Amino acid sequence: SMAAAEAAARKRRAKGHLAAAAQRAKRPRGGGRQLEAGMRGILITCNMNERKCVGEAYSLLGEYGDQLYGPEQFSDHEERLSGSEREEDEDDVEAALKKEVSQIRASTEQKLRRFQSVESGANNVVFIRTRGIEPENLVHHILKDMHATKKKKTRVILRMLPISGTCKAFMEDMKKYAETFFEPWFKAPNKGTFQIVYKARNNSHMSREEVIKELAGIVSSLNTENKVDLNNPQYTIVVEIIKSVCCLSVVRDYVLFRKYNLQEVVKNNKDDTQKNPSSLAEEQNSKVVKPETEEGEEKSSEEVKKENK
């Protein structure tokens, strides 16, 4: 009958529609959401296996995030969307369309979660966007705990760098942004010893020497007592550039915590015994958020000065 044929055609259309939606949902890591200026989060490096890295990151950040900030609140229907229920009723058109609406709603909510993986724009780099938390404090807390317990918690994650600020990776944008961004640590009466570590990926228009020189200049202008120290600085300014985004943060205990490397920080190191991580009091005082850093040949400001001579 006509009615039956029409119903069958409608069912086919709905199925095609669902298949397309399922295809979209399968796209890797955040499907199209990508790192951009204005985001805060955590930059994580790995060696191959980015998918497993994202999984480890969610699990580790979830564990410590719940410890520090309490469990995350979700709405019920997101809880209900468990794997098995997604497979049922594939033929019932009404149900299929209802289900799709609820999935769209759930995915919107997911975008507002505490931790959300987005495309970083570089291989072997995972970026987890954060909401409502301070990446520097959370990451420092994780490293401090792993440094104390020496418990290895990850296999593929190498470094985990907080990114508390991002701007466009052009000199003028960076200078303007850094002047304000650095104030909580370096603007008189605040001061500290510092180093700058720099890494650029998929970006050829920035000059390492120029960036380090300009940023060090800004730190000095905020308070002339801010001094470079490459051995054990109080603060390490992390500059991570990916494509046209500059990620920044100011981190403590960078040397003690082995450049924020989760594999290295759980090893026993003889020279750690004299040094204590900076205290939680400082963590609470720095009510701010900032960005991150990576593996590889990082040259510090002093080395660059020597080269320039």
Protein backbone atom coordinates (compact mmCIF):
# COMPACT_ATOMS: atom_id res chain seq x y z
CA SER A 1 0.00 0.00 0.00
CA MET A 2 0.96 3.64 -0.42
CA ALA A 3 0.97 4.21 3.32
CA ALA A 4 3.34 1.31 3.93
CA ALA A 5 5.68 2.45 1.15
CA GLU A 6 5.70 5.97 2.56
CA ALA A 7 6.44 4.69 6.05
CA ALA A 8 9.29 2.59 4.69
CA ALA A 9 10.72 5.58 2.83
CA ARG A 10 10.43 7.70 5.95
CA LYS A 11 12.23 5.02 7.93
CA ARG A 12 15.03 4.89 5.34
CA ARG A 13 15.43 8.66 5.47
CA ALA A 14 15.59 8.62 9.25
CA LYS A 15 18.14 5.81 9.15
CA GLY A 16 20.28 7.72 6.66
CA HIS A 17 20.00 10.75 8.89
CA LEU A 18 21.08 8.74 11.92
CA ALA A 19 23.93 7.12 10.03
CA ALA A 20 25.23 10.56 9.09
CA ALA A 21 24.92 11.70 12.70
CA ALA A 22 26.77 8.59 13.86
CA GLN A 23 29.52 9.26 11.31
CA ARG A 24 29.89 12.80 12.63
CA ALA A 25 30.01 11.53 16.20
CA LYS A 26 32.83 9.11 15.31
CA ARG A 27 35.22 11.86 14.26
CA PRO A 28 38.39 11.74 16.32
CA ARG A 29 38.98 13.88 19.39
CA GLY A 30 36.40 16.56 19.63
CA GLY A 31 35.40 16.54 15.94
CA GLY A 32 36.21 20.01 14.74
CA ARG A 33 36.50 21.73 18.12
CA GLN A 34 40.01 23.02 18.17
CA LEU A 35 42.50 24.97 20.20
CA GLU A 36 41.98 28.68 19.76
CA ALA A 37 42.92 31.98 21.41
CA GLY A 38 40.87 32.59 24.55
CA MET A 39 40.88 28.97 25.76
CA ARG A 40 42.44 27.72 28.94
CA GLY A 41 43.44 24.17 29.58
CA ILE A 42 46.16 21.60 29.80
CA LEU A 43 48.63 20.76 27.06
CA ILE A 44 49.74 17.15 27.16
CA THR A 45 52.48 15.52 25.12
CA CYS A 46 52.63 11.87 24.24
CA ASN A 47 54.56 9.59 21.94
CA MET A 48 52.14 8.34 19.28
CA ASN A 49 48.85 6.93 20.59
CA GLU A 50 46.94 10.20 21.07
CA ARG A 51 43.64 8.38 21.63
CA LYS A 52 45.05 6.48 24.59
CA CYS A 53 46.61 9.73 25.82
CA VAL A 54 43.19 11.42 25.83
CA GLY A 55 41.78 8.48 27.81
CA GLU A 56 44.58 8.66 30.38
CA ALA A 57 44.15 12.42 30.64
CA TYR A 58 40.40 12.18 31.32
CA SER A 59 40.99 9.53 33.95
CA LEU A 60 43.85 11.36 35.73
CA LEU A 61 42.23 14.80 35.57
CA GLY A 62 38.91 13.32 36.66
CA GLU A 63 40.49 11.68 39.70
CA TYR A 64 42.32 14.80 40.90
CA GLY A 65 39.62 17.20 39.74
CA ASP A 66 37.09 15.42 41.96
CA GLN A 67 39.59 15.53 44.86
CA LEU A 68 40.18 19.26 44.56
CA TYR A 69 36.83 20.58 43.34
CA GLY A 70 34.30 17.87 44.21
CA PRO A 71 32.51 15.61 41.73
CA GLU A 72 31.20 17.11 38.52
CA GLN A 73 27.44 17.60 38.17
CA PHE A 74 25.70 16.15 35.11
CA SER A 75 22.02 16.14 34.18
CA ASP A 76 20.24 12.77 34.41
CA HIS A 77 19.65 12.18 30.73
CA GLU A 78 23.34 12.38 30.01
CA GLU A 79 23.90 9.69 32.62
CA ARG A 80 21.17 7.65 30.94
CA LEU A 81 22.78 7.70 27.50
CA SER A 82 24.75 4.56 28.12
CA GLY A 83 26.07 2.42 25.27
CA SER A 84 23.48 -0.35 25.30
CA GLU A 85 20.50 1.99 25.12
CA ARG A 86 21.92 3.62 22.02
CA GLU A 87 21.53 0.39 20.05
CA GLU A 88 17.84 -0.31 20.80
CA ASP A 89 14.81 0.66 18.72
CA GLU A 90 16.77 1.36 15.57
CA ASP A 91 13.60 0.81 13.50
CA ASP A 92 11.17 2.97 15.38
CA VAL A 93 11.34 6.31 13.54
CA GLU A 94 9.80 8.39 16.30
CA ALA A 95 12.15 6.91 18.87
CA ALA A 96 15.10 7.36 16.55
CA LEU A 97 14.41 11.06 16.07
CA LYS A 98 13.71 11.59 19.78
CA LYS A 99 16.96 9.86 20.57
CA GLU A 100 18.82 12.07 18.14
CA VAL A 101 17.42 15.20 19.77
CA SER A 102 18.52 13.98 23.20
CA GLN A 103 21.97 13.13 21.85
CA ILE A 104 22.35 16.62 20.40
CA ARG A 105 21.31 18.04 23.77
CA ALA A 106 23.79 15.79 25.57
CA SER A 107 26.62 16.77 23.25
CA THR A 108 25.88 20.45 23.92
CA GLU A 109 26.15 19.75 27.63
CA GLN A 110 29.34 17.87 27.07
CA LYS A 111 30.88 21.03 25.66
CA LEU A 112 30.37 22.62 29.08
CA ARG A 113 32.15 19.88 30.97
CA ARG A 114 35.10 20.53 33.26
CA PHE A 115 37.51 18.75 30.88
CA GLN A 116 37.03 18.56 27.12
CA SER A 117 39.55 17.32 24.58
CA VAL A 118 39.94 19.61 21.55
CA GLU A 119 42.15 19.30 18.46
CA SER A 120 45.56 20.74 19.36
CA GLY A 121 46.79 21.29 15.81
CA ALA A 122 49.99 19.26 16.32
CA ASN A 123 50.94 15.59 16.37
CA ASN A 124 51.67 14.00 19.73
CA VAL A 125 50.00 16.89 21.51
CA VAL A 126 46.64 16.61 23.23
CA PHE A 127 44.85 19.72 24.50
CA ILE A 128 42.23 19.41 27.22
CA ARG A 129 40.18 22.55 27.55
CA THR A 130 39.22 23.29 31.17
CA ARG A 131 36.23 25.15 32.60
CA GLY A 132 35.77 26.57 36.07
CA ILE A 133 39.12 25.40 37.39
CA GLU A 134 42.67 26.75 37.48
CA PRO A 135 44.92 24.59 35.34
CA GLU A 136 48.13 25.71 37.10
CA ASN A 137 46.92 24.71 40.56
CA LEU A 138 45.45 21.41 39.39
CA VAL A 139 48.55 20.34 37.46
CA HIS A 140 50.89 21.43 40.26
CA HIS A 141 48.78 19.40 42.69
CA ILE A 142 48.99 16.30 40.45
CA LEU A 143 52.76 16.55 40.04
CA LYS A 144 53.30 17.24 43.72
CA ASP A 145 51.33 14.11 44.61
CA MET A 146 53.11 11.93 42.04
CA HIS A 147 56.48 13.32 43.12
CA ALA A 148 55.70 12.44 46.75
CA THR A 149 54.16 8.98 46.20
CA LYS A 150 56.34 7.92 43.22
CA LYS A 151 53.24 6.08 41.97
CA LYS A 152 53.25 5.77 38.19
CA LYS A 153 49.74 6.56 36.99
CA THR A 154 50.10 6.91 33.22
CA ARG A 155 51.78 5.04 30.40
CA VAL A 156 51.56 7.25 27.35
CA ILE A 157 51.37 10.76 28.82
CA LEU A 158 54.78 12.41 28.90
CA ARG A 159 54.42 16.04 29.94
CA MET A 160 51.41 17.84 31.30
CA LEU A 161 51.57 21.62 31.08
CA PRO A 162 48.89 23.95 32.39
CA ILE A 163 47.88 26.65 29.90
CA SER A 164 46.26 29.50 31.70
CA GLY A 165 46.23 31.95 28.87
CA THR A 166 46.14 31.87 25.09
CA CYS A 167 46.42 34.59 22.48
CA LYS A 168 47.23 34.87 18.80
CA ALA A 169 50.83 33.95 17.98
CA PHE A 170 51.93 37.32 16.60
CA MET A 171 54.45 39.49 18.40
CA GLU A 172 52.12 42.46 18.92
CA ASP A 173 49.31 40.28 20.33
CA MET A 174 51.74 38.43 22.59
CA LYS A 175 53.33 41.58 24.01
CA LYS A 176 49.96 43.17 24.74
CA TYR A 177 48.64 39.96 26.31
CA ALA A 178 51.76 39.21 28.39
CA GLU A 179 51.83 42.67 29.99
CA THR A 180 48.62 41.86 31.86
CA PHE A 181 49.06 38.11 32.05
CA PHE A 182 52.39 38.29 33.94
CA GLU A 183 51.21 40.82 36.54
CA PRO A 184 50.12 38.38 39.31
CA TRP A 185 53.65 36.97 39.59
CA PHE A 186 55.93 39.74 38.48
CA LYS A 187 54.32 43.14 38.96
CA ALA A 188 55.74 45.04 41.95
CA PRO A 189 55.44 44.36 44.83
CA ASN A 190 55.38 40.78 43.45
CA LYS A 191 58.67 39.50 42.12
CA GLY A 192 60.59 36.31 41.50
CA THR A 193 63.44 34.61 39.73
CA PHE A 194 62.41 33.22 36.37
CA GLN A 195 63.34 31.42 33.19
CA ILE A 196 61.51 31.23 29.87
CA VAL A 197 61.07 27.96 27.99
CA TYR A 198 59.89 28.11 24.40
CA LYS A 199 58.57 25.58 21.94
CA ALA A 200 56.89 26.18 18.59
CA ARG A 201 55.07 23.60 16.47
CA ASN A 202 53.68 23.97 12.97
CA ASN A 203 54.66 27.63 13.04
CA SER A 204 57.53 29.19 11.14
CA HIS A 205 56.85 32.91 11.48
CA MET A 206 57.86 33.40 15.13
CA SER A 207 61.48 33.83 16.19
CA ARG A 208 62.43 32.09 19.44
CA GLU A 209 65.09 34.69 20.23
CA GLU A 210 62.75 37.61 19.63
CA VAL A 211 59.92 36.12 21.71
CA ILE A 212 62.21 35.34 24.65
CA LYS A 213 63.81 38.77 24.51
CA GLU A 214 60.47 40.62 24.39
CA LEU A 215 58.85 38.56 27.15
CA ALA A 216 61.90 38.85 29.43
CA GLY A 217 61.78 42.61 28.80
CA ILE A 218 58.15 42.75 29.90
CA VAL A 219 58.92 40.81 33.10
CA SER A 220 61.78 43.22 33.92
CA SER A 221 59.60 46.25 33.25
CA LEU A 222 56.96 44.99 35.73
CA ASN A 223 59.57 44.95 38.51
CA THR A 224 63.32 45.50 38.07
CA GLU A 225 63.94 42.99 40.88
CA ASN A 226 62.73 40.11 38.69
CA LYS A 227 65.91 38.22 37.76
CA VAL A 228 66.72 35.38 35.40
CA ASP A 229 67.80 32.12 37.10
CA LEU A 230 68.37 29.03 34.99
CA ASN A 231 69.28 26.58 37.74
CA ASN A 232 66.34 26.73 40.07
CA PRO A 233 64.01 29.60 39.22
CA GLN A 234 60.90 30.22 41.33
CA TYR A 235 58.88 30.59 38.16
CA THR A 236 59.15 29.10 34.71
CA ILE A 237 57.34 30.95 31.97
CA VAL A 238 56.12 28.35 29.51
CA VAL A 239 55.58 29.50 25.93
CA GLU A 240 53.99 26.88 23.66
CA ILE A 241 53.11 27.96 20.16
CA ILE A 242 50.98 25.75 17.93
CA LYS A 243 50.11 27.09 14.49
CA SER A 244 48.71 30.56 15.15
CA VAL A 245 47.94 30.14 18.87
CA CYS A 246 50.34 31.10 21.65
CA CYS A 247 49.80 29.21 24.93
CA LEU A 248 51.24 30.67 28.13
CA SER A 249 51.65 29.77 31.74
CA VAL A 250 53.81 30.54 34.73
CA VAL A 251 54.63 27.39 36.69
CA ARG A 252 56.45 26.59 39.92
CA ASP A 253 58.81 23.68 40.66
CA TYR A 254 59.55 23.15 36.97
CA VAL A 255 63.03 21.83 37.69
CA LEU A 256 62.02 19.74 40.72
CA PHE A 257 59.10 18.24 38.82
CA ARG A 258 61.32 17.32 35.85
CA LYS A 259 59.86 19.78 33.35
CA TYR A 260 56.40 18.59 34.37
CA ASN A 261 57.12 15.14 32.95
CA LEU A 262 54.88 12.49 34.56
CA GLN A 263 57.24 9.65 33.63
CA GLU A 264 60.30 11.33 35.14
CA VAL A 265 58.72 12.74 38.28
CA VAL A 266 57.93 9.28 39.70
CA LYS A 267 61.55 8.11 39.40
CA ASN A 268 63.72 8.30 42.50
CA ASN A 269 66.14 11.20 42.24
CA LYS A 270 68.88 11.69 44.83
CA ASP A 271 68.97 15.46 44.51
CA ASP A 272 65.25 15.79 45.32
CA THR A 273 65.72 15.26 49.03
CA GLN A 274 66.94 18.78 49.78
CA LYS A 275 64.17 20.48 47.81
CA ASN A 276 60.56 20.85 48.86
CA PRO A 277 57.78 21.71 46.44
CA SER A 278 56.40 25.23 46.90
CA SER A 279 53.53 25.31 49.35
CA LEU A 280 49.80 25.13 48.86
CA ALA A 281 49.55 28.59 50.42
CA GLU A 282 51.21 29.96 47.31
CA GLU A 283 48.86 27.86 45.24
CA GLN A 284 45.86 29.49 46.89
CA ASN A 285 47.32 33.00 46.66
CA SER A 286 47.87 32.84 42.94
CA LYS A 287 44.18 33.10 42.08
CA VAL A 288 44.93 33.10 38.40
CA VAL A 289 45.06 30.86 35.40
CA LYS A 290 47.85 30.44 32.81
CA PRO A 291 49.35 28.14 29.98
CA GLU A 292 52.09 25.51 29.10
CA THR A 293 55.30 23.88 27.58
CA GLU A 294 56.76 20.82 25.77
CA GLU A 295 59.54 18.30 25.19
CA GLY A 296 62.50 18.79 23.04
CA GLU A 297 65.40 21.14 22.82
CA GLU A 298 64.21 24.03 24.92
CA LYS A 299 66.65 26.86 25.07
CA SER A 300 66.39 29.15 28.01
CA SER A 301 66.80 32.90 27.96
CA GLU A 302 70.43 32.74 29.13
CA GLU A 303 71.51 30.23 26.52
CA VAL A 304 69.94 32.42 23.89
CA LYS A 305 71.78 35.47 25.23
CA LYS A 306 75.06 33.58 25.01
CA GLU A 307 74.30 32.57 21.44
CA ASN A 308 73.45 36.11 20.48
CA LYS A 309 76.80 37.29 21.77
